[in-house]
Amino acid sequence: TPSIASLHGSLTGMLQWLLDFPPSNRSQARFGNPMFRMWHKRLVERSVNV
């Protein structure tokens, strides 16, 4: 169905973002993983298209 295809496309795109922003091994990150913040920023910027 079109809704499942749309959901699949969105999840596939977000999976690619995980590859773009792999988790950082910096143990000195005080408030979470910096790469997650970059991933989340992209999600917010592109949320209309997702």
C-alpha atoms as a PDB file:
ATOM      1  CA  THR A   1       0.000   0.000   0.000  1.00  0.00           C
ATOM      2  CA  PRO A   2       1.129   3.593  -0.474  1.00  0.00           C
ATOM      3  CA  SER A   3       1.290   4.290   3.280  1.00  0.00           C
ATOM      4  CA  ILE A   4       3.561   1.314   3.921  1.00  0.00           C
ATOM      5  CA  ALA A   5       5.771   2.307   0.985  1.00  0.00           C
ATOM      6  CA  SER A   6       6.011   5.844   2.382  1.00  0.00           C
ATOM      7  CA  LEU A   7       6.874   4.566   5.860  1.00  0.00           C
ATOM      8  CA  HIS A   8       9.484   2.223   4.388  1.00  0.00           C
ATOM      9  CA  GLY A   9      11.058   5.106   2.469  1.00  0.00           C
ATOM     10  CA  SER A  10      11.200   7.272   5.597  1.00  0.00           C
ATOM     11  CA  LEU A  11      12.801   4.533   7.687  1.00  0.00           C
ATOM     12  CA  THR A  12      15.296   3.750   4.930  1.00  0.00           C
ATOM     13  CA  GLY A  13      16.294   7.415   4.805  1.00  0.00           C
ATOM     14  CA  MET A  14      16.743   7.609   8.571  1.00  0.00           C
ATOM     15  CA  LEU A  15      18.819   4.417   8.490  1.00  0.00           C
ATOM     16  CA  GLN A  16      21.152   6.106   6.006  1.00  0.00           C
ATOM     17  CA  TRP A  17      21.468   9.002   8.443  1.00  0.00           C
ATOM     18  CA  LEU A  18      22.753   6.534  11.051  1.00  0.00           C
ATOM     19  CA  LEU A  19      25.502   5.604   8.620  1.00  0.00           C
ATOM     20  CA  ASP A  20      26.214   9.318   8.062  1.00  0.00           C
ATOM     21  CA  PHE A  21      26.522   9.916  11.826  1.00  0.00           C
ATOM     22  CA  PRO A  22      28.075   6.809  13.425  1.00  0.00           C
ATOM     23  CA  PRO A  23      28.237   6.845  17.244  1.00  0.00           C
ATOM     24  CA  SER A  24      31.277   8.624  18.579  1.00  0.00           C
ATOM     25  CA  ASN A  25      33.636   6.717  20.849  1.00  0.00           C
ATOM     26  CA  ARG A  26      34.358   9.829  22.864  1.00  0.00           C
ATOM     27  CA  SER A  27      33.872   8.837  26.469  1.00  0.00           C
ATOM     28  CA  GLN A  28      34.271  12.471  27.490  1.00  0.00           C
ATOM     29  CA  ALA A  29      30.901  13.481  26.055  1.00  0.00           C
ATOM     30  CA  ARG A  30      29.203  14.861  29.121  1.00  0.00           C
ATOM     31  CA  PHE A  31      25.648  15.183  27.851  1.00  0.00           C
ATOM     32  CA  GLY A  32      25.163  12.305  25.441  1.00  0.00           C
ATOM     33  CA  ASN A  33      26.713  11.318  22.173  1.00  0.00           C
ATOM     34  CA  PRO A  34      27.475  14.351  19.960  1.00  0.00           C
ATOM     35  CA  MET A  35      26.651  12.366  16.823  1.00  0.00           C
ATOM     36  CA  PHE A  36      23.115  11.743  18.103  1.00  0.00           C
ATOM     37  CA  ARG A  37      22.636  15.486  18.414  1.00  0.00           C
ATOM     38  CA  MET A  38      23.746  15.894  14.789  1.00  0.00           C
ATOM     39  CA  TRP A  39      21.382  13.092  13.716  1.00  0.00           C
ATOM     40  CA  HIS A  40      18.511  14.675  15.635  1.00  0.00           C
ATOM     41  CA  LYS A  41      19.249  18.101  14.129  1.00  0.00           C
ATOM     42  CA  ARG A  42      18.946  16.574  10.645  1.00  0.00           C
ATOM     43  CA  LEU A  43      15.679  14.898  11.651  1.00  0.00           C
ATOM     44  CA  VAL A  44      14.251  18.225  12.836  1.00  0.00           C
ATOM     45  CA  GLU A  45      15.438  20.045   9.703  1.00  0.00           C
ATOM     46  CA  ARG A  46      13.930  17.450   7.385  1.00  0.00           C
ATOM     47  CA  SER A  47      10.909  16.387   9.429  1.00  0.00           C
ATOM     48  CA  VAL A  48       8.468  17.864   6.918  1.00  0.00           C
ATOM     49  CA  ASN A  49       9.896  15.584   4.225  1.00  0.00           C
ATOM     50  CA  VAL A  50      10.053  12.503   6.444  1.00  0.00           C
END
